[in-house]
């Protein structure tokens, strides 16, 4: 598994290239300059698995009510992945990218998915909880951006480990944490 700072730097490069360089740092994550203001955070993983979490508030000032919980359950039942949930009077949409590597297209899709959930379900969930949606249904989520990534950070969407290690000035003591082997999926393809 790559060093956590390398993964964070790589994810930052991917996000900046796909969604613009106006990333706002919040704690250990980045707030993207999109209508849903999704927060992307590298939260680690177990063994050789990485976990990148994408979440955005889709409705605020929510009053917990039975109607709201029925709507949340209905939305969750129909989502192909990800989830919506209530925390501190806010409804959140969340999706997690989990795997041995961070794939550019999968990360961009996950961010766009969270924005889509905010646009499509936010108003209905806000109404069910007597709150306010955070994004209008017609808002643009930058889905048409090409997601090109600078060559120094990525080669075909896979981290250029040497360039990132040099950029982050990792020491030889960090070397054992760097796994430069190419990622192979379950079918055996690179």
C-alpha atoms as a PDB file:
ATOM      1  CA  UNK A   1       0.000   0.000   0.000  1.00  0.00           C
ATOM      2  CA  UNK A   2       1.237   3.497  -0.771  1.00  0.00           C
ATOM      3  CA  UNK A   3       2.252   5.925   1.922  1.00  0.00           C
ATOM      4  CA  UNK A   4      -0.838   7.859   3.202  1.00  0.00           C
ATOM      5  CA  UNK A   5       0.660  11.225   2.183  1.00  0.00           C
ATOM      6  CA  UNK A   6       1.179   9.904  -1.344  1.00  0.00           C
ATOM      7  CA  UNK A   7      -2.423   8.727  -1.573  1.00  0.00           C
ATOM      8  CA  UNK A   8      -3.653  12.080  -0.256  1.00  0.00           C
ATOM      9  CA  UNK A   9      -1.468  13.982  -2.750  1.00  0.00           C
ATOM     10  CA  UNK A  10      -2.628  11.773  -5.606  1.00  0.00           C
ATOM     11  CA  UNK A  11      -6.318  12.204  -4.684  1.00  0.00           C
ATOM     12  CA  UNK A  12      -5.775  15.981  -4.443  1.00  0.00           C
ATOM     13  CA  UNK A  13      -4.199  15.981  -7.934  1.00  0.00           C
ATOM     14  CA  UNK A  14      -7.088  13.953  -9.357  1.00  0.00           C
ATOM     15  CA  UNK A  15      -9.695  16.216  -7.788  1.00  0.00           C
ATOM     16  CA  UNK A  16      -7.934  19.398  -8.852  1.00  0.00           C
ATOM     17  CA  UNK A  17      -7.659  18.210 -12.437  1.00  0.00           C
ATOM     18  CA  UNK A  18     -11.243  16.973 -12.620  1.00  0.00           C
ATOM     19  CA  UNK A  19     -13.056  19.715 -10.713  1.00  0.00           C
ATOM     20  CA  UNK A  20     -10.734  22.713 -10.674  1.00  0.00           C
ATOM     21  CA  UNK A  21      -7.941  23.834  -8.416  1.00  0.00           C
ATOM     22  CA  UNK A  22     -10.188  25.709  -5.968  1.00  0.00           C
ATOM     23  CA  UNK A  23     -10.172  22.871  -3.447  1.00  0.00           C
ATOM     24  CA  UNK A  24     -10.934  24.055   0.054  1.00  0.00           C
ATOM     25  CA  UNK A  25      -9.137  22.087   2.769  1.00  0.00           C
ATOM     26  CA  UNK A  26     -11.324  20.931   5.656  1.00  0.00           C
ATOM     27  CA  UNK A  27      -9.623  18.786   8.268  1.00  0.00           C
ATOM     28  CA  UNK A  28      -8.204  15.814   6.381  1.00  0.00           C
ATOM     29  CA  UNK A  29     -10.447  16.325   3.380  1.00  0.00           C
ATOM     30  CA  UNK A  30     -11.211  18.649   0.513  1.00  0.00           C
ATOM     31  CA  UNK A  31     -14.416  20.540  -0.225  1.00  0.00           C
ATOM     32  CA  UNK A  32     -15.019  20.662  -3.958  1.00  0.00           C
ATOM     33  CA  UNK A  33     -16.218  23.860  -5.688  1.00  0.00           C
ATOM     34  CA  UNK A  34     -19.477  22.254  -6.862  1.00  0.00           C
ATOM     35  CA  UNK A  35     -23.077  23.112  -5.960  1.00  0.00           C
ATOM     36  CA  UNK A  36     -23.402  20.179  -3.526  1.00  0.00           C
ATOM     37  CA  UNK A  37     -20.008  21.087  -1.944  1.00  0.00           C
ATOM     38  CA  UNK A  38     -18.992  17.444  -1.526  1.00  0.00           C
ATOM     39  CA  UNK A  39     -16.222  16.671   0.931  1.00  0.00           C
ATOM     40  CA  UNK A  40     -13.668  14.097  -0.238  1.00  0.00           C
ATOM     41  CA  UNK A  41     -11.498  12.502   2.405  1.00  0.00           C
ATOM     42  CA  UNK A  42      -8.894   9.746   2.304  1.00  0.00           C
ATOM     43  CA  UNK A  43      -9.830   7.829   5.435  1.00  0.00           C
ATOM     44  CA  UNK A  44      -7.331   4.989   5.136  1.00  0.00           C
ATOM     45  CA  UNK A  45      -8.101   1.336   4.855  1.00  0.00           C
ATOM     46  CA  UNK A  46      -7.175  -2.099   6.007  1.00  0.00           C
ATOM     47  CA  UNK A  47      -4.269  -4.070   4.624  1.00  0.00           C
ATOM     48  CA  UNK A  48      -3.834  -3.119   0.979  1.00  0.00           C
ATOM     49  CA  UNK A  49      -7.283  -1.508   0.631  1.00  0.00           C
ATOM     50  CA  UNK A  50      -7.709   2.243   0.378  1.00  0.00           C
ATOM     51  CA  UNK A  51     -10.879   4.033   1.397  1.00  0.00           C
ATOM     52  CA  UNK A  52     -11.867   7.420  -0.007  1.00  0.00           C
ATOM     53  CA  UNK A  53     -15.130   8.807   1.322  1.00  0.00           C
ATOM     54  CA  UNK A  54     -17.255  11.357  -0.555  1.00  0.00           C
ATOM     55  CA  UNK A  55     -20.105  13.016   1.354  1.00  0.00           C
ATOM     56  CA  UNK A  56     -22.281  16.092   0.976  1.00  0.00           C
ATOM     57  CA  UNK A  57     -25.128  17.582   2.982  1.00  0.00           C
ATOM     58  CA  UNK A  58     -28.213  17.519   0.765  1.00  0.00           C
ATOM     59  CA  UNK A  59     -30.771  19.016   3.164  1.00  0.00           C
ATOM     60  CA  UNK A  60     -30.403  21.143   6.303  1.00  0.00           C
ATOM     61  CA  UNK A  61     -32.556  22.307   9.235  1.00  0.00           C
ATOM     62  CA  UNK A  62     -34.243  18.904   9.238  1.00  0.00           C
ATOM     63  CA  UNK A  63     -36.818  17.898  11.830  1.00  0.00           C
ATOM     64  CA  UNK A  64     -36.611  14.132  12.453  1.00  0.00           C
ATOM     65  CA  UNK A  65     -40.056  12.767  11.544  1.00  0.00           C
ATOM     66  CA  UNK A  66     -41.576   9.485  10.458  1.00  0.00           C
ATOM     67  CA  UNK A  67     -42.179  10.856   6.929  1.00  0.00           C
ATOM     68  CA  UNK A  68     -38.487  11.690   6.631  1.00  0.00           C
ATOM     69  CA  UNK A  69     -37.365   8.234   7.734  1.00  0.00           C
ATOM     70  CA  UNK A  70     -39.726   6.604   5.228  1.00  0.00           C
ATOM     71  CA  UNK A  71     -38.284   8.815   2.460  1.00  0.00           C
ATOM     72  CA  UNK A  72     -34.690   8.034   3.543  1.00  0.00           C
ATOM     73  CA  UNK A  73     -35.447   4.310   3.466  1.00  0.00           C
ATOM     74  CA  UNK A  74     -37.084   4.645   0.045  1.00  0.00           C
ATOM     75  CA  UNK A  75     -34.122   6.525  -1.415  1.00  0.00           C
ATOM     76  CA  UNK A  76     -31.615   4.076   0.078  1.00  0.00           C
ATOM     77  CA  UNK A  77     -33.593   1.122  -1.246  1.00  0.00           C
ATOM     78  CA  UNK A  78     -33.396   2.525  -4.781  1.00  0.00           C
ATOM     79  CA  UNK A  79     -29.777   3.749  -4.833  1.00  0.00           C
ATOM     80  CA  UNK A  80     -27.446   1.331  -6.636  1.00  0.00           C
ATOM     81  CA  UNK A  81     -24.686   2.192  -4.128  1.00  0.00           C
ATOM     82  CA  UNK A  82     -23.942   4.871  -1.587  1.00  0.00           C
ATOM     83  CA  UNK A  83     -26.438   5.946   1.048  1.00  0.00           C
ATOM     84  CA  UNK A  84     -28.367   8.852   2.494  1.00  0.00           C
ATOM     85  CA  UNK A  85     -28.659   9.365   6.235  1.00  0.00           C
ATOM     86  CA  UNK A  86     -29.559  11.896   8.929  1.00  0.00           C
ATOM     87  CA  UNK A  87     -26.975  13.399  11.306  1.00  0.00           C
ATOM     88  CA  UNK A  88     -27.400  16.554  13.412  1.00  0.00           C
ATOM     89  CA  UNK A  89     -30.458  17.844  11.522  1.00  0.00           C
ATOM     90  CA  UNK A  90     -28.766  17.369   8.141  1.00  0.00           C
ATOM     91  CA  UNK A  91     -29.406  14.739   5.502  1.00  0.00           C
ATOM     92  CA  UNK A  92     -26.168  13.558   3.899  1.00  0.00           C
ATOM     93  CA  UNK A  93     -25.419  11.645   0.711  1.00  0.00           C
ATOM     94  CA  UNK A  94     -22.325   9.475   0.852  1.00  0.00           C
ATOM     95  CA  UNK A  95     -20.382   7.127  -1.360  1.00  0.00           C
ATOM     96  CA  UNK A  96     -17.115   5.343  -0.598  1.00  0.00           C
ATOM     97  CA  UNK A  97     -14.447   4.264  -3.068  1.00  0.00           C
ATOM     98  CA  UNK A  98     -12.702   1.186  -1.712  1.00  0.00           C
ATOM     99  CA  UNK A  99      -9.935  -0.818  -3.335  1.00  0.00           C
ATOM    100  CA  UNK A 100      -6.262  -1.449  -3.785  1.00  0.00           C
ATOM    101  CA  UNK A 101      -5.834   1.753  -5.786  1.00  0.00           C
ATOM    102  CA  UNK A 102      -7.636   5.010  -6.414  1.00  0.00           C
ATOM    103  CA  UNK A 103      -8.970   5.073  -9.956  1.00  0.00           C
ATOM    104  CA  UNK A 104      -9.485   8.474 -11.567  1.00  0.00           C
ATOM    105  CA  UNK A 105     -12.745   7.588 -13.301  1.00  0.00           C
ATOM    106  CA  UNK A 106     -14.235   5.859 -10.271  1.00  0.00           C
ATOM    107  CA  UNK A 107     -13.364   8.802  -8.023  1.00  0.00           C
ATOM    108  CA  UNK A 108     -14.865  11.319 -10.458  1.00  0.00           C
ATOM    109  CA  UNK A 109     -17.974   9.163 -10.842  1.00  0.00           C
ATOM    110  CA  UNK A 110     -18.402   8.899  -7.063  1.00  0.00           C
ATOM    111  CA  UNK A 111     -18.189  12.695  -6.679  1.00  0.00           C
ATOM    112  CA  UNK A 112     -20.707  13.200  -9.495  1.00  0.00           C
ATOM    113  CA  UNK A 113     -22.981  10.529  -7.982  1.00  0.00           C
ATOM    114  CA  UNK A 114     -23.127  12.359  -4.641  1.00  0.00           C
ATOM    115  CA  UNK A 115     -23.967  15.584  -6.505  1.00  0.00           C
ATOM    116  CA  UNK A 116     -26.670  13.763  -8.470  1.00  0.00           C
ATOM    117  CA  UNK A 117     -28.230  12.413  -5.265  1.00  0.00           C
ATOM    118  CA  UNK A 118     -28.245  15.951  -3.843  1.00  0.00           C
ATOM    119  CA  UNK A 119     -29.980  17.355  -6.930  1.00  0.00           C
ATOM    120  CA  UNK A 120     -32.488  14.574  -7.466  1.00  0.00           C
ATOM    121  CA  UNK A 121     -33.448  13.703  -3.889  1.00  0.00           C
ATOM    122  CA  UNK A 122     -32.572  16.812  -1.852  1.00  0.00           C
ATOM    123  CA  UNK A 123     -35.805  18.753  -2.298  1.00  0.00           C
ATOM    124  CA  UNK A 124     -38.044  15.758  -1.509  1.00  0.00           C
ATOM    125  CA  UNK A 125     -36.002  14.787   1.571  1.00  0.00           C
ATOM    126  CA  UNK A 126     -35.930  18.402   2.759  1.00  0.00           C
ATOM    127  CA  UNK A 127     -39.717  18.641   2.411  1.00  0.00           C
ATOM    128  CA  UNK A 128     -40.210  15.373   4.318  1.00  0.00           C
ATOM    129  CA  UNK A 129     -38.090  16.764   7.155  1.00  0.00           C
ATOM    130  CA  UNK A 130     -39.475  20.314   6.966  1.00  0.00           C
ATOM    131  CA  UNK A 131     -35.989  21.592   6.087  1.00  0.00           C
ATOM    132  CA  UNK A 132     -34.167  23.214   3.181  1.00  0.00           C
ATOM    133  CA  UNK A 133     -32.405  21.520   0.248  1.00  0.00           C
ATOM    134  CA  UNK A 134     -28.781  22.525  -0.232  1.00  0.00           C
ATOM    135  CA  UNK A 135     -28.814  22.192  -4.039  1.00  0.00           C
ATOM    136  CA  UNK A 136     -31.506  23.004  -6.584  1.00  0.00           C
ATOM    137  CA  UNK A 137     -32.490  20.133  -8.863  1.00  0.00           C
ATOM    138  CA  UNK A 138     -31.298  22.020 -11.979  1.00  0.00           C
ATOM    139  CA  UNK A 139     -27.822  22.823 -10.554  1.00  0.00           C
ATOM    140  CA  UNK A 140     -24.760  21.885 -12.621  1.00  0.00           C
ATOM    141  CA  UNK A 141     -22.409  19.398 -10.958  1.00  0.00           C
ATOM    142  CA  UNK A 142     -19.624  19.718 -13.543  1.00  0.00           C
ATOM    143  CA  UNK A 143     -20.355  16.232 -14.866  1.00  0.00           C
ATOM    144  CA  UNK A 144     -19.163  17.197 -18.309  1.00  0.00           C
ATOM    145  CA  UNK A 145     -15.589  17.909 -17.241  1.00  0.00           C
ATOM    146  CA  UNK A 146     -13.067  15.556 -18.778  1.00  0.00           C
ATOM    147  CA  UNK A 147     -11.197  14.680 -15.590  1.00  0.00           C
ATOM    148  CA  UNK A 148      -7.784  14.900 -17.220  1.00  0.00           C
ATOM    149  CA  UNK A 149      -4.978  14.413 -14.733  1.00  0.00           C
ATOM    150  CA  UNK A 150      -1.504  15.953 -14.966  1.00  0.00           C
ATOM    151  CA  UNK A 151       1.007  13.431 -16.291  1.00  0.00           C
ATOM    152  CA  UNK A 152       3.332  13.894 -13.318  1.00  0.00           C
ATOM    153  CA  UNK A 153       0.635  12.592 -10.952  1.00  0.00           C
ATOM    154  CA  UNK A 154      -0.850   9.838 -13.038  1.00  0.00           C
ATOM    155  CA  UNK A 155      -0.215   7.473 -15.881  1.00  0.00           C
ATOM    156  CA  UNK A 156      -3.556   6.312 -17.289  1.00  0.00           C
ATOM    157  CA  UNK A 157      -5.260   7.028 -13.981  1.00  0.00           C
ATOM    158  CA  UNK A 158      -2.710   5.102 -11.891  1.00  0.00           C
ATOM    159  CA  UNK A 159      -0.382   6.906  -9.511  1.00  0.00           C
ATOM    160  CA  UNK A 160       3.107   7.711 -10.780  1.00  0.00           C
ATOM    161  CA  UNK A 161       4.703   6.591  -7.518  1.00  0.00           C
ATOM    162  CA  UNK A 162       8.192   7.905  -8.253  1.00  0.00           C
ATOM    163  CA  UNK A 163       7.013  11.421  -9.129  1.00  0.00           C
ATOM    164  CA  UNK A 164       4.752  11.627  -6.077  1.00  0.00           C
ATOM    165  CA  UNK A 165       7.447  10.325  -3.716  1.00  0.00           C
ATOM    166  CA  UNK A 166       9.864  12.934  -5.078  1.00  0.00           C
ATOM    167  CA  UNK A 167       7.271  15.724  -4.850  1.00  0.00           C
ATOM    168  CA  UNK A 168       6.474  14.819  -1.234  1.00  0.00           C
ATOM    169  CA  UNK A 169      10.158  14.430  -0.381  1.00  0.00           C
ATOM    170  CA  UNK A 170       9.635  11.050   1.242  1.00  0.00           C
ATOM    171  CA  UNK A 171      12.709   9.702   2.969  1.00  0.00           C
ATOM    172  CA  UNK A 172      14.264   6.241   2.507  1.00  0.00           C
ATOM    173  CA  UNK A 173      12.633   5.326   5.837  1.00  0.00           C
ATOM    174  CA  UNK A 174       9.261   5.704   4.065  1.00  0.00           C
ATOM    175  CA  UNK A 175      10.262   3.360   1.233  1.00  0.00           C
ATOM    176  CA  UNK A 176       8.843   0.139   2.751  1.00  0.00           C
ATOM    177  CA  UNK A 177       5.432   1.801   2.786  1.00  0.00           C
ATOM    178  CA  UNK A 178       5.501   2.385  -0.963  1.00  0.00           C
ATOM    179  CA  UNK A 179       4.136  -0.439  -3.099  1.00  0.00           C
ATOM    180  CA  UNK A 180       5.068   0.460  -6.674  1.00  0.00           C
ATOM    181  CA  UNK A 181       3.716  -2.750  -8.209  1.00  0.00           C
ATOM    182  CA  UNK A 182       1.014  -2.151 -10.802  1.00  0.00           C
ATOM    183  CA  UNK A 183      -2.492  -2.783  -9.538  1.00  0.00           C
ATOM    184  CA  UNK A 184      -4.221  -5.846 -10.965  1.00  0.00           C
ATOM    185  CA  UNK A 185      -7.975  -6.321 -10.782  1.00  0.00           C
ATOM    186  CA  UNK A 186      -9.754  -9.570  -9.934  1.00  0.00           C
ATOM    187  CA  UNK A 187      -9.729 -10.654 -13.586  1.00  0.00           C
ATOM    188  CA  UNK A 188      -5.954 -10.279 -13.722  1.00  0.00           C
ATOM    189  CA  UNK A 189      -5.888  -7.164 -15.907  1.00  0.00           C
ATOM    190  CA  UNK A 190      -3.813  -4.056 -15.203  1.00  0.00           C
END
